Amino acid sequence: MRHGGRSINIIGMPTAIECKRAALETRLHSLGKLLVAYSGGVDSAFLADVAHQVLRSGMLAVIADSPSLARSQFQDAVAFAKERQIPLQIVTTRELENQEYARNDASRCFHCKDELFDAMEELRQQKGFDCIAYGVNVDDQGDFRPGQEAARMHHVATPLLDAGLTKEDIRTLAHTSGLRVWDKPAAACLSSRIEYGREVTREALSTIERGEDAVRALGFSQFRVRHHGQIVRIEIAREDLPRALNPEMAVEFTRIFKALGFTYVTLDLEGFRSGSMNAVLPLREIKPAV
């Protein structure tokens, strides 16, 4: 029942979000022994935590030690799994050795996930697990995400999506479960910061990572460092733009990014928005043929 935009729990009746949580647990039970693709973001962390509660030793979280995953994110993901006593396996992926990935066209994310799920399928067979799952949710269906096609190709399960969970649902449930990552900002892979058509290299990924570490040290939490060759384009959350536009902060940005090798340092006046690199793709690249 809803009143004034709020969900009301009539005594003895679960709320909508509680029903979704129950549906998630039922779905996880149905999948048998489960490998969970894990990155440390709120979606995969929540999925891994619930899967561990439901399946106990019948689940294993798997994280890729990849050059496109920032070291701070990797270390935090490993720490979170340890805190929650979630069993974790680290696998090494080598997507940078794949020219289809490194050339950085619109299919880059597909090749990344294809590499990950190949590695997980090998692990699944070695360890006798039944299924692989990842943390795609309802809101992800409205975005350009070629990695989802790789997941479908590998028959990867989608428990959060199957349970009808949105990003807001997941954050709410993670919060009520006491998961410290419940409000963690979204953090796509470092390769997504490089403009399409510019080769993904270890050097470029390292430059972006060092730049983002430096911006984070200035007190910003939701932002992206976009690599356009000689130009760096910094996206800062709109609520933080007044501080970012301060002349003293401009001096700091210039100092940081010129030291990293950029010739021009720019601040995007539209602010942070996820997937902004996709704006330059032709429509045929981001819409499947019908």
C-alpha atoms as a PDB file:
ATOM      1  CA  MET A   1       0.000   0.000   0.000  1.00  0.00           C
ATOM      2  CA  ARG A   2       1.275   3.500  -0.849  1.00  0.00           C
ATOM      3  CA  HIS A   3       0.509   6.735   0.937  1.00  0.00           C
ATOM      4  CA  GLY A   4       1.990  10.097   0.029  1.00  0.00           C
ATOM      5  CA  GLY A   5       4.618   8.383  -2.140  1.00  0.00           C
ATOM      6  CA  ARG A   6       5.738   6.108   0.701  1.00  0.00           C
ATOM      7  CA  SER A   7       5.428   2.339   0.984  1.00  0.00           C
ATOM      8  CA  ILE A   8       3.322   1.319   3.997  1.00  0.00           C
ATOM      9  CA  ASN A   9       3.780  -2.093   5.550  1.00  0.00           C
ATOM     10  CA  ILE A  10       0.415  -3.371   6.749  1.00  0.00           C
ATOM     11  CA  ILE A  11       0.995  -5.664   9.728  1.00  0.00           C
ATOM     12  CA  GLY A  12       1.794  -9.134   8.480  1.00  0.00           C
ATOM     13  CA  MET A  13       2.278  -8.027   4.850  1.00  0.00           C
ATOM     14  CA  PRO A  14       5.772  -7.547   3.371  1.00  0.00           C
ATOM     15  CA  THR A  15       6.617  -4.338   1.517  1.00  0.00           C
ATOM     16  CA  ALA A  16       7.403  -4.397  -2.195  1.00  0.00           C
ATOM     17  CA  ILE A  17      11.129  -4.232  -1.547  1.00  0.00           C
ATOM     18  CA  GLU A  18      10.916  -7.113   0.953  1.00  0.00           C
ATOM     19  CA  CYS A  19       9.120  -9.155  -1.705  1.00  0.00           C
ATOM     20  CA  LYS A  20      11.942  -8.410  -4.144  1.00  0.00           C
ATOM     21  CA  ARG A  21      14.519  -9.487  -1.562  1.00  0.00           C
ATOM     22  CA  ALA A  22      12.608 -12.737  -1.040  1.00  0.00           C
ATOM     23  CA  ALA A  23      12.405 -13.265  -4.823  1.00  0.00           C
ATOM     24  CA  LEU A  24      16.164 -12.773  -5.044  1.00  0.00           C
ATOM     25  CA  GLU A  25      16.817 -15.400  -2.381  1.00  0.00           C
ATOM     26  CA  THR A  26      14.455 -17.849  -4.108  1.00  0.00           C
ATOM     27  CA  ARG A  27      16.216 -17.258  -7.424  1.00  0.00           C
ATOM     28  CA  LEU A  28      19.631 -17.804  -5.874  1.00  0.00           C
ATOM     29  CA  HIS A  29      18.485 -21.090  -4.330  1.00  0.00           C
ATOM     30  CA  SER A  30      17.371 -22.245  -7.776  1.00  0.00           C
ATOM     31  CA  LEU A  31      20.785 -21.662  -9.362  1.00  0.00           C
ATOM     32  CA  GLY A  32      22.682 -24.257  -7.339  1.00  0.00           C
ATOM     33  CA  LYS A  33      26.408 -23.824  -6.694  1.00  0.00           C
ATOM     34  CA  LEU A  34      27.172 -20.339  -7.890  1.00  0.00           C
ATOM     35  CA  LEU A  35      30.100 -18.219  -9.077  1.00  0.00           C
ATOM     36  CA  VAL A  36      29.397 -14.486  -8.698  1.00  0.00           C
ATOM     37  CA  ALA A  37      31.215 -11.957 -10.900  1.00  0.00           C
ATOM     38  CA  TYR A  38      32.417  -9.419  -8.350  1.00  0.00           C
ATOM     39  CA  SER A  39      33.996  -5.978  -8.718  1.00  0.00           C
ATOM     40  CA  GLY A  40      33.328  -4.385  -5.326  1.00  0.00           C
ATOM     41  CA  GLY A  41      30.653  -1.995  -6.591  1.00  0.00           C
ATOM     42  CA  VAL A  42      27.357  -1.902  -4.710  1.00  0.00           C
ATOM     43  CA  ASP A  43      25.510  -4.196  -7.141  1.00  0.00           C
ATOM     44  CA  SER A  44      28.036  -7.026  -7.218  1.00  0.00           C
ATOM     45  CA  ALA A  45      28.854  -6.601  -3.508  1.00  0.00           C
ATOM     46  CA  PHE A  46      25.181  -6.851  -2.543  1.00  0.00           C
ATOM     47  CA  LEU A  47      24.670  -9.862  -4.813  1.00  0.00           C
ATOM     48  CA  ALA A  48      27.747 -11.624  -3.422  1.00  0.00           C
ATOM     49  CA  ASP A  49      26.693 -10.902   0.163  1.00  0.00           C
ATOM     50  CA  VAL A  50      23.146 -12.229  -0.292  1.00  0.00           C
ATOM     51  CA  ALA A  51      24.407 -15.247  -2.250  1.00  0.00           C
ATOM     52  CA  HIS A  52      26.776 -16.033   0.610  1.00  0.00           C
ATOM     53  CA  GLN A  53      23.962 -15.770   3.154  1.00  0.00           C
ATOM     54  CA  VAL A  54      21.734 -18.039   1.068  1.00  0.00           C
ATOM     55  CA  LEU A  55      24.232 -20.549  -0.335  1.00  0.00           C
ATOM     56  CA  ARG A  56      27.096 -20.395   2.197  1.00  0.00           C
ATOM     57  CA  SER A  57      29.895 -22.627   0.859  1.00  0.00           C
ATOM     58  CA  GLY A  58      27.884 -23.129  -2.330  1.00  0.00           C
ATOM     59  CA  MET A  59      28.993 -19.748  -3.675  1.00  0.00           C
ATOM     60  CA  LEU A  60      32.274 -18.136  -4.642  1.00  0.00           C
ATOM     61  CA  ALA A  61      32.862 -14.508  -5.612  1.00  0.00           C
ATOM     62  CA  VAL A  62      35.296 -14.018  -8.484  1.00  0.00           C
ATOM     63  CA  ILE A  63      37.157 -10.759  -9.129  1.00  0.00           C
ATOM     64  CA  ALA A  64      39.340 -10.037 -12.154  1.00  0.00           C
ATOM     65  CA  ASP A  65      42.758  -8.566 -11.422  1.00  0.00           C
ATOM     66  CA  SER A  66      42.692  -6.403 -14.534  1.00  0.00           C
ATOM     67  CA  PRO A  67      44.703  -3.330 -15.591  1.00  0.00           C
ATOM     68  CA  SER A  68      41.389  -1.533 -16.147  1.00  0.00           C
ATOM     69  CA  LEU A  69      40.366  -1.911 -12.483  1.00  0.00           C
ATOM     70  CA  ALA A  70      41.893   0.842 -10.342  1.00  0.00           C
ATOM     71  CA  ARG A  71      44.132  -0.524  -7.583  1.00  0.00           C
ATOM     72  CA  SER A  72      42.170   1.376  -4.918  1.00  0.00           C
ATOM     73  CA  GLN A  73      38.941  -0.240  -6.159  1.00  0.00           C
ATOM     74  CA  PHE A  74      40.528  -3.685  -6.297  1.00  0.00           C
ATOM     75  CA  GLN A  75      41.950  -3.404  -2.783  1.00  0.00           C
ATOM     76  CA  ASP A  76      38.647  -2.136  -1.380  1.00  0.00           C
ATOM     77  CA  ALA A  77      36.755  -4.989  -3.062  1.00  0.00           C
ATOM     78  CA  VAL A  78      39.092  -7.578  -1.541  1.00  0.00           C
ATOM     79  CA  ALA A  79      38.788  -5.886   1.869  1.00  0.00           C
ATOM     80  CA  PHE A  80      34.978  -5.863   1.703  1.00  0.00           C
ATOM     81  CA  ALA A  81      34.845  -9.575   0.877  1.00  0.00           C
ATOM     82  CA  LYS A  82      37.135 -10.280   3.826  1.00  0.00           C
ATOM     83  CA  GLU A  83      34.989  -8.147   6.164  1.00  0.00           C
ATOM     84  CA  ARG A  84      31.839 -10.037   5.152  1.00  0.00           C
ATOM     85  CA  GLN A  85      33.643 -13.417   5.091  1.00  0.00           C
ATOM     86  CA  ILE A  86      32.629 -13.909   1.465  1.00  0.00           C
ATOM     87  CA  PRO A  87      34.837 -16.530  -0.215  1.00  0.00           C
ATOM     88  CA  LEU A  88      36.793 -14.832  -2.988  1.00  0.00           C
ATOM     89  CA  GLN A  89      38.849 -16.075  -5.940  1.00  0.00           C
ATOM     90  CA  ILE A  90      41.106 -13.707  -7.897  1.00  0.00           C
ATOM     91  CA  VAL A  91      41.562 -14.442 -11.591  1.00  0.00           C
ATOM     92  CA  THR A  92      43.898 -12.667 -13.992  1.00  0.00           C
ATOM     93  CA  THR A  93      42.425 -11.386 -17.242  1.00  0.00           C
ATOM     94  CA  ARG A  94      44.450 -10.239 -20.249  1.00  0.00           C
ATOM     95  CA  GLU A  95      42.003  -8.217 -22.303  1.00  0.00           C
ATOM     96  CA  LEU A  96      44.714  -5.693 -23.238  1.00  0.00           C
ATOM     97  CA  GLU A  97      46.365  -8.459 -25.290  1.00  0.00           C
ATOM     98  CA  ASN A  98      43.199  -8.690 -27.391  1.00  0.00           C
ATOM     99  CA  GLN A  99      43.369  -6.186 -30.256  1.00  0.00           C
ATOM    100  CA  GLU A 100      39.584  -6.244 -30.532  1.00  0.00           C
ATOM    101  CA  TYR A 101      39.504  -4.774 -27.021  1.00  0.00           C
ATOM    102  CA  ALA A 102      42.556  -2.509 -27.231  1.00  0.00           C
ATOM    103  CA  ARG A 103      41.376  -0.739 -30.399  1.00  0.00           C
ATOM    104  CA  ASN A 104      38.572   0.707 -28.258  1.00  0.00           C
ATOM    105  CA  ASP A 105      35.544   0.839 -30.497  1.00  0.00           C
ATOM    106  CA  ALA A 106      31.930   0.559 -29.365  1.00  0.00           C
ATOM    107  CA  SER A 107      32.313  -3.180 -28.703  1.00  0.00           C
ATOM    108  CA  ARG A 108      35.135  -2.792 -26.150  1.00  0.00           C
ATOM    109  CA  CYS A 109      32.952  -3.701 -23.164  1.00  0.00           C
ATOM    110  CA  PHE A 110      31.763  -6.842 -24.943  1.00  0.00           C
ATOM    111  CA  HIS A 111      35.332  -8.107 -25.317  1.00  0.00           C
ATOM    112  CA  CYS A 112      36.122  -7.305 -21.678  1.00  0.00           C
ATOM    113  CA  LYS A 113      33.149  -9.274 -20.358  1.00  0.00           C
ATOM    114  CA  ASP A 114      33.757 -12.061 -22.874  1.00  0.00           C
ATOM    115  CA  GLU A 115      37.274 -12.458 -21.441  1.00  0.00           C
ATOM    116  CA  LEU A 116      35.937 -12.418 -17.864  1.00  0.00           C
ATOM    117  CA  PHE A 117      33.204 -14.974 -18.475  1.00  0.00           C
ATOM    118  CA  ASP A 118      35.613 -17.243 -20.378  1.00  0.00           C
ATOM    119  CA  ALA A 119      37.853 -17.245 -17.303  1.00  0.00           C
ATOM    120  CA  MET A 120      34.903 -17.828 -14.991  1.00  0.00           C
ATOM    121  CA  GLU A 121      33.556 -20.675 -17.119  1.00  0.00           C
ATOM    122  CA  GLU A 122      36.936 -22.406 -16.932  1.00  0.00           C
ATOM    123  CA  LEU A 123      36.912 -21.936 -13.155  1.00  0.00           C
ATOM    124  CA  ARG A 124      33.311 -23.162 -12.932  1.00  0.00           C
ATOM    125  CA  GLN A 125      34.213 -26.422 -14.646  1.00  0.00           C
ATOM    126  CA  GLN A 126      37.367 -26.885 -12.575  1.00  0.00           C
ATOM    127  CA  LYS A 127      35.571 -26.410  -9.252  1.00  0.00           C
ATOM    128  CA  GLY A 128      32.291 -28.129 -10.116  1.00  0.00           C
ATOM    129  CA  PHE A 129      29.968 -25.125  -9.833  1.00  0.00           C
ATOM    130  CA  ASP A 130      26.603 -25.061 -11.580  1.00  0.00           C
ATOM    131  CA  CYS A 131      26.183 -21.491 -12.714  1.00  0.00           C
ATOM    132  CA  ILE A 132      27.700 -18.015 -13.133  1.00  0.00           C
ATOM    133  CA  ALA A 133      25.832 -14.840 -12.132  1.00  0.00           C
ATOM    134  CA  TYR A 134      26.506 -11.114 -12.354  1.00  0.00           C
ATOM    135  CA  GLY A 135      25.002  -7.969 -10.884  1.00  0.00           C
ATOM    136  CA  VAL A 136      23.016  -6.398 -13.715  1.00  0.00           C
ATOM    137  CA  ASN A 137      19.833  -4.690 -12.478  1.00  0.00           C
ATOM    138  CA  VAL A 138      16.642  -3.196 -13.914  1.00  0.00           C
ATOM    139  CA  ASP A 139      18.111   0.289 -14.410  1.00  0.00           C
ATOM    140  CA  ASP A 140      20.994  -1.099 -16.463  1.00  0.00           C
ATOM    141  CA  GLN A 141      18.535  -2.044 -19.201  1.00  0.00           C
ATOM    142  CA  GLY A 142      18.145   1.564 -20.289  1.00  0.00           C
ATOM    143  CA  ASP A 143      21.847   2.157 -20.994  1.00  0.00           C
ATOM    144  CA  PHE A 144      24.316   1.150 -23.723  1.00  0.00           C
ATOM    145  CA  ARG A 145      26.105  -1.854 -22.208  1.00  0.00           C
ATOM    146  CA  PRO A 146      27.651  -4.254 -24.758  1.00  0.00           C
ATOM    147  CA  GLY A 147      28.875  -6.421 -21.862  1.00  0.00           C
ATOM    148  CA  GLN A 148      25.306  -7.587 -21.379  1.00  0.00           C
ATOM    149  CA  GLU A 149      25.435  -9.245 -24.795  1.00  0.00           C
ATOM    150  CA  ALA A 150      28.548 -11.163 -23.694  1.00  0.00           C
ATOM    151  CA  ALA A 151      26.689 -12.260 -20.563  1.00  0.00           C
ATOM    152  CA  ARG A 152      23.767 -13.525 -22.649  1.00  0.00           C
ATOM    153  CA  MET A 153      26.143 -15.358 -24.966  1.00  0.00           C
ATOM    154  CA  HIS A 154      27.722 -17.112 -21.968  1.00  0.00           C
ATOM    155  CA  HIS A 155      24.307 -17.846 -20.388  1.00  0.00           C
ATOM    156  CA  VAL A 156      25.205 -15.877 -17.256  1.00  0.00           C
ATOM    157  CA  ALA A 157      22.373 -15.631 -14.700  1.00  0.00           C
ATOM    158  CA  THR A 158      20.937 -12.241 -13.688  1.00  0.00           C
ATOM    159  CA  PRO A 159      19.422 -12.699 -10.194  1.00  0.00           C
ATOM    160  CA  LEU A 160      19.039  -8.985  -9.374  1.00  0.00           C
ATOM    161  CA  LEU A 161      17.288  -8.325 -12.665  1.00  0.00           C
ATOM    162  CA  ASP A 162      15.120 -11.439 -12.299  1.00  0.00           C
ATOM    163  CA  ALA A 163      13.963 -10.184  -8.885  1.00  0.00           C
ATOM    164  CA  GLY A 164      13.026  -6.788 -10.356  1.00  0.00           C
ATOM    165  CA  LEU A 165      15.590  -4.873  -8.316  1.00  0.00           C
ATOM    166  CA  THR A 166      16.457  -1.307  -9.307  1.00  0.00           C
ATOM    167  CA  LYS A 167      19.617   0.552  -8.322  1.00  0.00           C
ATOM    168  CA  GLU A 168      17.689   2.391  -5.621  1.00  0.00           C
ATOM    169  CA  ASP A 169      16.312  -0.922  -4.296  1.00  0.00           C
ATOM    170  CA  ILE A 170      19.809  -2.362  -4.110  1.00  0.00           C
ATOM    171  CA  ARG A 171      21.219   0.646  -2.269  1.00  0.00           C
ATOM    172  CA  THR A 172      18.303   0.556   0.173  1.00  0.00           C
ATOM    173  CA  LEU A 173      18.680  -3.167   0.863  1.00  0.00           C
ATOM    174  CA  ALA A 174      22.465  -2.852   1.128  1.00  0.00           C
ATOM    175  CA  HIS A 175      22.000  -0.053   3.659  1.00  0.00           C
ATOM    176  CA  THR A 176      19.537  -1.996   5.784  1.00  0.00           C
ATOM    177  CA  SER A 177      21.926  -4.981   5.635  1.00  0.00           C
ATOM    178  CA  GLY A 178      24.737  -2.838   7.046  1.00  0.00           C
ATOM    179  CA  LEU A 179      26.924  -2.987   3.927  1.00  0.00           C
ATOM    180  CA  ARG A 180      29.352  -0.065   4.041  1.00  0.00           C
ATOM    181  CA  VAL A 181      29.367   0.141   0.225  1.00  0.00           C
ATOM    182  CA  TRP A 182      25.645   0.972   0.034  1.00  0.00           C
ATOM    183  CA  ASP A 183      26.309   4.561  -1.109  1.00  0.00           C
ATOM    184  CA  LYS A 184      29.538   3.901  -2.987  1.00  0.00           C
ATOM    185  CA  PRO A 185      29.676   6.009  -6.168  1.00  0.00           C
ATOM    186  CA  ALA A 186      29.402   4.130  -9.459  1.00  0.00           C
ATOM    187  CA  ALA A 187      32.856   3.330 -10.805  1.00  0.00           C
ATOM    188  CA  ALA A 188      33.073   1.960 -14.336  1.00  0.00           C
ATOM    189  CA  CYS A 189      36.369   0.501 -15.527  1.00  0.00           C
ATOM    190  CA  LEU A 190      39.260   2.832 -16.319  1.00  0.00           C
ATOM    191  CA  SER A 191      39.067   1.993 -20.037  1.00  0.00           C
ATOM    192  CA  SER A 192      35.674   3.707 -20.218  1.00  0.00           C
ATOM    193  CA  ARG A 193      37.474   7.023 -19.601  1.00  0.00           C
ATOM    194  CA  ILE A 194      39.369   6.810 -22.908  1.00  0.00           C
ATOM    195  CA  GLU A 195      37.684   8.306 -25.978  1.00  0.00           C
ATOM    196  CA  TYR A 196      36.499   5.751 -28.525  1.00  0.00           C
ATOM    197  CA  GLY A 197      39.063   5.083 -31.243  1.00  0.00           C
ATOM    198  CA  ARG A 198      42.047   5.865 -29.019  1.00  0.00           C
ATOM    199  CA  GLU A 199      43.961   2.689 -28.138  1.00  0.00           C
ATOM    200  CA  VAL A 200      43.642   1.380 -24.604  1.00  0.00           C
ATOM    201  CA  THR A 201      47.166   1.051 -23.190  1.00  0.00           C
ATOM    202  CA  ARG A 202      48.591   0.402 -19.748  1.00  0.00           C
ATOM    203  CA  GLU A 203      50.167   3.868 -19.845  1.00  0.00           C
ATOM    204  CA  ALA A 204      46.820   5.575 -20.508  1.00  0.00           C
ATOM    205  CA  LEU A 205      45.081   3.546 -17.793  1.00  0.00           C
ATOM    206  CA  SER A 206      47.825   4.397 -15.296  1.00  0.00           C
ATOM    207  CA  THR A 207      47.592   8.107 -16.170  1.00  0.00           C
ATOM    208  CA  ILE A 208      43.820   8.099 -15.615  1.00  0.00           C
ATOM    209  CA  GLU A 209      44.158   6.200 -12.352  1.00  0.00           C
ATOM    210  CA  ARG A 210      46.756   8.608 -10.977  1.00  0.00           C
ATOM    211  CA  GLY A 211      44.635  11.565 -12.046  1.00  0.00           C
ATOM    212  CA  GLU A 212      41.518  10.204 -10.373  1.00  0.00           C
ATOM    213  CA  ASP A 213      43.443   9.402  -7.201  1.00  0.00           C
ATOM    214  CA  ALA A 214      44.613  13.015  -7.123  1.00  0.00           C
ATOM    215  CA  VAL A 215      41.094  14.419  -7.686  1.00  0.00           C
ATOM    216  CA  ARG A 216      39.753  12.136  -4.948  1.00  0.00           C
ATOM    217  CA  ALA A 217      42.453  13.461  -2.610  1.00  0.00           C
ATOM    218  CA  LEU A 218      41.042  16.956  -3.207  1.00  0.00           C
ATOM    219  CA  GLY A 219      37.779  15.808  -1.601  1.00  0.00           C
ATOM    220  CA  PHE A 220      35.648  15.027  -4.668  1.00  0.00           C
ATOM    221  CA  SER A 221      33.757  11.717  -4.653  1.00  0.00           C
ATOM    222  CA  GLN A 222      31.653  11.586  -7.833  1.00  0.00           C
ATOM    223  CA  PHE A 223      33.690  12.449 -10.922  1.00  0.00           C
ATOM    224  CA  ARG A 224      35.420  11.100 -14.021  1.00  0.00           C
ATOM    225  CA  VAL A 225      38.737  11.870 -15.691  1.00  0.00           C
ATOM    226  CA  ARG A 226      38.190  11.570 -19.465  1.00  0.00           C
ATOM    227  CA  HIS A 227      41.233  11.006 -21.678  1.00  0.00           C
ATOM    228  CA  HIS A 228      41.157  12.756 -25.104  1.00  0.00           C
ATOM    229  CA  GLY A 229      44.815  12.509 -26.043  1.00  0.00           C
ATOM    230  CA  GLN A 230      46.469  15.838 -25.268  1.00  0.00           C
ATOM    231  CA  ILE A 231      43.237  17.017 -23.623  1.00  0.00           C
ATOM    232  CA  VAL A 232      41.882  15.860 -20.271  1.00  0.00           C
ATOM    233  CA  ARG A 233      38.189  16.509 -19.606  1.00  0.00           C
ATOM    234  CA  ILE A 234      37.257  16.424 -15.929  1.00  0.00           C
ATOM    235  CA  GLU A 235      33.623  15.746 -15.031  1.00  0.00           C
ATOM    236  CA  ILE A 236      32.609  16.706 -11.493  1.00  0.00           C
ATOM    237  CA  ALA A 237      29.205  16.072  -9.890  1.00  0.00           C
ATOM    238  CA  ARG A 238      27.022  19.157 -10.409  1.00  0.00           C
ATOM    239  CA  GLU A 239      26.603  19.799  -6.697  1.00  0.00           C
ATOM    240  CA  ASP A 240      30.400  20.054  -6.441  1.00  0.00           C
ATOM    241  CA  LEU A 241      30.909  22.256  -9.517  1.00  0.00           C
ATOM    242  CA  PRO A 242      30.989  25.546  -7.549  1.00  0.00           C
ATOM    243  CA  ARG A 243      34.019  24.302  -5.608  1.00  0.00           C
ATOM    244  CA  ALA A 244      35.598  22.863  -8.760  1.00  0.00           C
ATOM    245  CA  LEU A 245      35.178  26.212 -10.551  1.00  0.00           C
ATOM    246  CA  ASN A 246      37.062  28.053  -7.817  1.00  0.00           C
ATOM    247  CA  PRO A 247      40.212  29.718  -9.287  1.00  0.00           C
ATOM    248  CA  GLU A 248      42.422  28.068  -6.661  1.00  0.00           C
ATOM    249  CA  MET A 249      41.015  24.651  -7.619  1.00  0.00           C
ATOM    250  CA  ALA A 250      41.684  25.411 -11.289  1.00  0.00           C
ATOM    251  CA  VAL A 251      45.324  25.906 -10.392  1.00  0.00           C
ATOM    252  CA  GLU A 252      45.353  22.495  -8.651  1.00  0.00           C
ATOM    253  CA  PHE A 253      43.737  20.721 -11.609  1.00  0.00           C
ATOM    254  CA  THR A 254      46.232  22.315 -13.976  1.00  0.00           C
ATOM    255  CA  ARG A 255      49.187  21.337 -11.799  1.00  0.00           C
ATOM    256  CA  ILE A 256      47.998  17.731 -11.435  1.00  0.00           C
ATOM    257  CA  PHE A 257      47.153  17.007 -15.039  1.00  0.00           C
ATOM    258  CA  LYS A 258      49.993  18.839 -16.747  1.00  0.00           C
ATOM    259  CA  ALA A 259      52.348  16.813 -14.550  1.00  0.00           C
ATOM    260  CA  LEU A 260      50.634  13.706 -15.961  1.00  0.00           C
ATOM    261  CA  GLY A 261      51.449  14.776 -19.510  1.00  0.00           C
ATOM    262  CA  PHE A 262      48.290  16.524 -20.711  1.00  0.00           C
ATOM    263  CA  THR A 263      48.713  19.709 -22.748  1.00  0.00           C
ATOM    264  CA  TYR A 264      45.234  21.072 -22.100  1.00  0.00           C
ATOM    265  CA  VAL A 265      43.218  20.756 -18.880  1.00  0.00           C
ATOM    266  CA  THR A 266      39.442  21.259 -19.144  1.00  0.00           C
ATOM    267  CA  LEU A 267      36.502  21.093 -16.729  1.00  0.00           C
ATOM    268  CA  ASP A 268      33.234  19.879 -18.276  1.00  0.00           C
ATOM    269  CA  LEU A 269      30.504  22.420 -17.451  1.00  0.00           C
ATOM    270  CA  GLU A 270      27.757  19.793 -17.824  1.00  0.00           C
ATOM    271  CA  GLY A 271      29.175  17.992 -14.816  1.00  0.00           C
ATOM    272  CA  PHE A 272      29.476  14.267 -14.201  1.00  0.00           C
ATOM    273  CA  ARG A 273      27.212  11.919 -16.138  1.00  0.00           C
ATOM    274  CA  SER A 274      27.693   8.208 -16.570  1.00  0.00           C
ATOM    275  CA  GLY A 275      28.465   7.047 -20.107  1.00  0.00           C
ATOM    276  CA  SER A 276      29.162  10.504 -21.542  1.00  0.00           C
ATOM    277  CA  MET A 277      31.662   9.005 -24.005  1.00  0.00           C
ATOM    278  CA  ASN A 278      28.747   7.217 -25.703  1.00  0.00           C
ATOM    279  CA  ALA A 279      27.331  10.551 -26.880  1.00  0.00           C
ATOM    280  CA  VAL A 280      29.724  10.554 -29.847  1.00  0.00           C
ATOM    281  CA  LEU A 281      28.760   7.079 -31.077  1.00  0.00           C
ATOM    282  CA  PRO A 282      26.541   6.807 -34.169  1.00  0.00           C
ATOM    283  CA  LEU A 283      23.023   5.638 -33.282  1.00  0.00           C
ATOM    284  CA  ARG A 284      23.571   2.389 -35.214  1.00  0.00           C
ATOM    285  CA  GLU A 285      26.423   1.529 -32.834  1.00  0.00           C
ATOM    286  CA  ILE A 286      24.325   1.769 -29.680  1.00  0.00           C
ATOM    287  CA  LYS A 287      20.975   0.417 -30.870  1.00  0.00           C
ATOM    288  CA  PRO A 288      20.666  -3.255 -31.834  1.00  0.00           C
ATOM    289  CA  ALA A 289      19.274  -3.947 -35.269  1.00  0.00           C
ATOM    290  CA  VAL A 290      15.578  -4.885 -35.347  1.00  0.00           C
END
